[in-house]
Amino acid sequence: MRPMATPLLVAAVFLSACATLQDTPRQAKAREEWKQCEGSVVGVRISRVEADGKTWFSYDSPSALAAAHACIAQVRAQKVAPK
């Protein structure tokens, strides 16, 4: 019975790791917002998006990062503005 425990444990760890590969709702929202800005902001790339939606960027200049933040703020404002 002991030899069977190891493969089951490995399978359980593998399956639980795969479950964490999906984005959380906040990650998905952050990525969606960035997709709307990505083409209009030059010199900024997403490095990572944490589970709570906090987004880390790599950027060529502070002004490029500021433009990215401004674009994301505009996207968010459009979503909450009444139509």
N, C-alpha and C. Protein backbone atom coordinates (compact mmCIF):
# COMPACT_ATOMS: atom_id res chain seq x y z
N MET A 1 0.81 -1.19 0.00
CA MET A 1 0.00 0.00 0.00
C MET A 1 0.86 1.26 0.00
N ARG A 2 2.00 1.20 0.53
CA ARG A 2 2.89 2.36 0.59
C ARG A 2 3.31 2.87 -0.79
N PRO A 3 3.68 1.99 -1.74
CA PRO A 3 4.09 2.50 -3.04
C PRO A 3 2.99 3.29 -3.76
N MET A 4 1.73 2.99 -3.49
CA MET A 4 0.63 3.69 -4.15
C MET A 4 0.44 5.10 -3.59
N ALA A 5 0.83 5.35 -2.38
CA ALA A 5 0.64 6.65 -1.75
C ALA A 5 1.43 7.75 -2.45
N THR A 6 2.63 7.44 -2.90
CA THR A 6 3.47 8.45 -3.56
C THR A 6 2.85 8.95 -4.86
N PRO A 7 2.43 8.08 -5.79
CA PRO A 7 1.81 8.61 -7.01
C PRO A 7 0.53 9.40 -6.74
N LEU A 8 -0.24 8.98 -5.76
CA LEU A 8 -1.45 9.72 -5.44
C LEU A 8 -1.13 11.10 -4.88
N LEU A 9 -0.12 11.17 -4.07
CA LEU A 9 0.30 12.46 -3.53
C LEU A 9 0.81 13.38 -4.64
N VAL A 10 1.60 12.84 -5.54
CA VAL A 10 2.11 13.64 -6.66
C VAL A 10 0.95 14.13 -7.53
N ALA A 11 -0.02 13.27 -7.80
CA ALA A 11 -1.18 13.65 -8.60
C ALA A 11 -1.98 14.75 -7.90
N ALA A 12 -2.15 14.64 -6.59
CA ALA A 12 -2.90 15.65 -5.85
C ALA A 12 -2.19 17.01 -5.89
N VAL A 13 -0.90 17.01 -5.73
CA VAL A 13 -0.13 18.26 -5.78
C VAL A 13 -0.20 18.86 -7.18
N PHE A 14 -0.07 18.04 -8.21
CA PHE A 14 -0.14 18.52 -9.58
C PHE A 14 -1.49 19.14 -9.88
N LEU A 15 -2.57 18.48 -9.49
CA LEU A 15 -3.91 18.99 -9.76
C LEU A 15 -4.18 20.29 -9.01
N SER A 16 -3.70 20.40 -7.79
CA SER A 16 -3.92 21.64 -7.05
C SER A 16 -3.10 22.78 -7.65
N ALA A 17 -1.94 22.48 -8.19
CA ALA A 17 -1.12 23.52 -8.85
C ALA A 17 -1.81 23.99 -10.12
N CYS A 18 -2.41 23.09 -10.85
CA CYS A 18 -3.11 23.48 -12.08
C CYS A 18 -4.31 24.38 -11.78
N ALA A 19 -4.95 24.16 -10.68
CA ALA A 19 -6.11 24.98 -10.31
C ALA A 19 -5.70 26.42 -10.05
N THR A 20 -4.48 26.65 -9.62
CA THR A 20 -4.04 28.01 -9.32
C THR A 20 -3.55 28.75 -10.56
N LEU A 21 -3.52 28.09 -11.71
CA LEU A 21 -3.05 28.74 -12.92
C LEU A 21 -4.11 29.64 -13.55
N GLN A 22 -5.35 29.53 -13.14
CA GLN A 22 -6.40 30.39 -13.67
C GLN A 22 -6.35 31.75 -12.96
N ASP A 23 -6.68 32.79 -13.73
CA ASP A 23 -6.71 34.13 -13.16
C ASP A 23 -7.87 34.27 -12.17
N THR A 24 -7.65 35.05 -11.13
CA THR A 24 -8.74 35.43 -10.24
C THR A 24 -9.57 36.48 -10.98
N PRO A 25 -10.78 36.77 -10.51
CA PRO A 25 -11.56 37.82 -11.16
C PRO A 25 -10.84 39.17 -11.21
N ARG A 26 -10.12 39.50 -10.16
CA ARG A 26 -9.40 40.78 -10.15
C ARG A 26 -8.24 40.78 -11.15
N GLN A 27 -7.55 39.64 -11.29
CA GLN A 27 -6.49 39.55 -12.29
C GLN A 27 -7.07 39.70 -13.70
N ALA A 28 -8.18 39.03 -13.93
CA ALA A 28 -8.82 39.11 -15.25
C ALA A 28 -9.24 40.54 -15.56
N LYS A 29 -9.77 41.24 -14.57
CA LYS A 29 -10.18 42.64 -14.76
C LYS A 29 -8.97 43.52 -15.09
N ALA A 30 -7.88 43.33 -14.36
CA ALA A 30 -6.67 44.12 -14.60
C ALA A 30 -6.12 43.87 -16.00
N ARG A 31 -6.10 42.61 -16.41
CA ARG A 31 -5.62 42.28 -17.75
C ARG A 31 -6.53 42.87 -18.84
N GLU A 32 -7.84 42.84 -18.60
CA GLU A 32 -8.80 43.40 -19.54
C GLU A 32 -8.59 44.91 -19.68
N GLU A 33 -8.40 45.59 -18.56
CA GLU A 33 -8.16 47.03 -18.61
C GLU A 33 -6.88 47.34 -19.39
N TRP A 34 -5.85 46.54 -19.16
CA TRP A 34 -4.59 46.79 -19.84
C TRP A 34 -4.71 46.55 -21.34
N LYS A 35 -5.48 45.55 -21.74
CA LYS A 35 -5.66 45.27 -23.17
C LYS A 35 -6.22 46.48 -23.91
N GLN A 36 -7.04 47.26 -23.22
CA GLN A 36 -7.62 48.45 -23.84
C GLN A 36 -6.59 49.57 -23.99
N CYS A 37 -5.53 49.53 -23.22
CA CYS A 37 -4.51 50.58 -23.26
C CYS A 37 -3.23 50.15 -23.97
N GLU A 38 -3.02 48.88 -24.05
CA GLU A 38 -1.74 48.34 -24.52
C GLU A 38 -1.29 48.92 -25.87
N GLY A 39 -2.20 49.06 -26.82
CA GLY A 39 -1.83 49.56 -28.13
C GLY A 39 -1.54 51.04 -28.18
N SER A 40 -2.04 51.79 -27.22
CA SER A 40 -1.85 53.24 -27.25
C SER A 40 -0.72 53.73 -26.36
N VAL A 41 -0.13 52.85 -25.58
CA VAL A 41 0.96 53.24 -24.68
C VAL A 41 2.23 52.51 -25.13
N VAL A 42 3.23 53.27 -25.50
CA VAL A 42 4.49 52.70 -25.99
C VAL A 42 5.51 52.64 -24.85
N GLY A 43 6.23 51.54 -24.76
CA GLY A 43 7.30 51.41 -23.79
C GLY A 43 6.88 50.91 -22.43
N VAL A 44 5.69 50.30 -22.34
CA VAL A 44 5.20 49.76 -21.07
C VAL A 44 4.70 48.34 -21.32
N ARG A 45 5.08 47.43 -20.43
CA ARG A 45 4.67 46.04 -20.50
C ARG A 45 4.28 45.54 -19.12
N ILE A 46 3.33 44.64 -19.08
CA ILE A 46 2.96 44.03 -17.79
C ILE A 46 4.04 43.03 -17.40
N SER A 47 4.52 43.12 -16.17
CA SER A 47 5.47 42.14 -15.64
C SER A 47 4.72 41.01 -14.96
N ARG A 48 3.74 41.39 -14.13
CA ARG A 48 2.92 40.38 -13.45
C ARG A 48 1.67 41.04 -12.90
N VAL A 49 0.66 40.20 -12.67
CA VAL A 49 -0.58 40.66 -12.05
C VAL A 49 -0.84 39.74 -10.86
N GLU A 50 -0.88 40.32 -9.67
CA GLU A 50 -1.10 39.53 -8.46
C GLU A 50 -2.57 39.15 -8.34
N ALA A 51 -2.85 38.22 -7.46
CA ALA A 51 -4.21 37.70 -7.29
C ALA A 51 -5.22 38.79 -6.93
N ASP A 52 -4.75 39.83 -6.23
CA ASP A 52 -5.66 40.92 -5.84
C ASP A 52 -5.82 41.97 -6.94
N GLY A 53 -5.19 41.75 -8.09
CA GLY A 53 -5.30 42.69 -9.21
C GLY A 53 -4.16 43.70 -9.29
N LYS A 54 -3.30 43.73 -8.29
CA LYS A 54 -2.17 44.66 -8.32
C LYS A 54 -1.29 44.30 -9.52
N THR A 55 -1.02 45.30 -10.33
CA THR A 55 -0.30 45.08 -11.58
C THR A 55 1.08 45.70 -11.52
N TRP A 56 2.07 44.93 -11.94
CA TRP A 56 3.45 45.39 -11.98
C TRP A 56 3.83 45.58 -13.45
N PHE A 57 4.49 46.69 -13.73
CA PHE A 57 4.88 47.02 -15.10
C PHE A 57 6.39 47.13 -15.23
N SER A 58 6.87 46.84 -16.43
CA SER A 58 8.22 47.20 -16.85
C SER A 58 8.02 48.37 -17.80
N TYR A 59 8.89 49.37 -17.72
CA TYR A 59 8.68 50.55 -18.56
C TYR A 59 10.01 51.17 -18.94
N ASP A 60 9.95 51.87 -20.07
CA ASP A 60 11.15 52.52 -20.61
C ASP A 60 11.41 53.89 -20.00
N SER A 61 10.35 54.57 -19.58
CA SER A 61 10.53 55.90 -19.01
C SER A 61 9.39 56.19 -18.03
N PRO A 62 9.64 57.08 -17.08
CA PRO A 62 8.57 57.45 -16.15
C PRO A 62 7.35 58.05 -16.86
N SER A 63 7.58 58.78 -17.95
CA SER A 63 6.45 59.37 -18.67
C SER A 63 5.60 58.29 -19.35
N ALA A 64 6.23 57.23 -19.81
CA ALA A 64 5.47 56.11 -20.40
C ALA A 64 4.62 55.44 -19.33
N LEU A 65 5.17 55.26 -18.15
CA LEU A 65 4.40 54.66 -17.06
C LEU A 65 3.24 55.57 -16.66
N ALA A 66 3.49 56.86 -16.61
CA ALA A 66 2.42 57.82 -16.28
C ALA A 66 1.31 57.76 -17.32
N ALA A 67 1.67 57.62 -18.60
CA ALA A 67 0.67 57.50 -19.66
C ALA A 67 -0.15 56.21 -19.49
N ALA A 68 0.50 55.14 -19.08
CA ALA A 68 -0.21 53.88 -18.85
C ALA A 68 -1.20 54.02 -17.70
N HIS A 69 -0.76 54.64 -16.62
CA HIS A 69 -1.65 54.84 -15.47
C HIS A 69 -2.83 55.74 -15.85
N ALA A 70 -2.57 56.77 -16.64
CA ALA A 70 -3.64 57.68 -17.07
C ALA A 70 -4.65 56.93 -17.94
N CYS A 71 -4.17 56.09 -18.83
CA CYS A 71 -5.06 55.33 -19.71
C CYS A 71 -5.93 54.37 -18.90
N ILE A 72 -5.32 53.66 -17.97
CA ILE A 72 -6.08 52.72 -17.14
C ILE A 72 -7.13 53.47 -16.32
N ALA A 73 -6.77 54.63 -15.78
CA ALA A 73 -7.73 55.43 -15.01
C ALA A 73 -8.90 55.85 -15.90
N GLN A 74 -8.61 56.19 -17.14
CA GLN A 74 -9.66 56.59 -18.08
C GLN A 74 -10.58 55.39 -18.40
N VAL A 75 -9.99 54.22 -18.59
CA VAL A 75 -10.79 53.01 -18.86
C VAL A 75 -11.71 52.73 -17.68
N ARG A 76 -11.18 52.84 -16.47
CA ARG A 76 -11.99 52.60 -15.26
C ARG A 76 -13.11 53.63 -15.13
N ALA A 77 -12.80 54.89 -15.44
CA ALA A 77 -13.81 55.95 -15.33
C ALA A 77 -14.93 55.73 -16.34
N GLN A 78 -14.62 55.26 -17.51
CA GLN A 78 -15.64 55.00 -18.53
C GLN A 78 -16.57 53.88 -18.10
N LYS A 79 -16.05 52.92 -17.35
CA LYS A 79 -16.88 51.79 -16.89
C LYS A 79 -17.89 52.20 -15.83
N VAL A 80 -17.54 53.18 -15.00
CA VAL A 80 -18.44 53.58 -13.92
C VAL A 80 -19.31 54.78 -14.30
N ALA A 81 -18.97 55.46 -15.39
CA ALA A 81 -19.78 56.62 -15.80
C ALA A 81 -21.12 56.16 -16.33
N PRO A 82 -22.20 56.86 -15.95
CA PRO A 82 -23.52 56.48 -16.47
C PRO A 82 -23.60 56.72 -17.96
N LYS A 83 -24.30 55.83 -18.65
CA LYS A 83 -24.40 55.92 -20.11
C LYS A 83 -25.67 56.60 -20.53
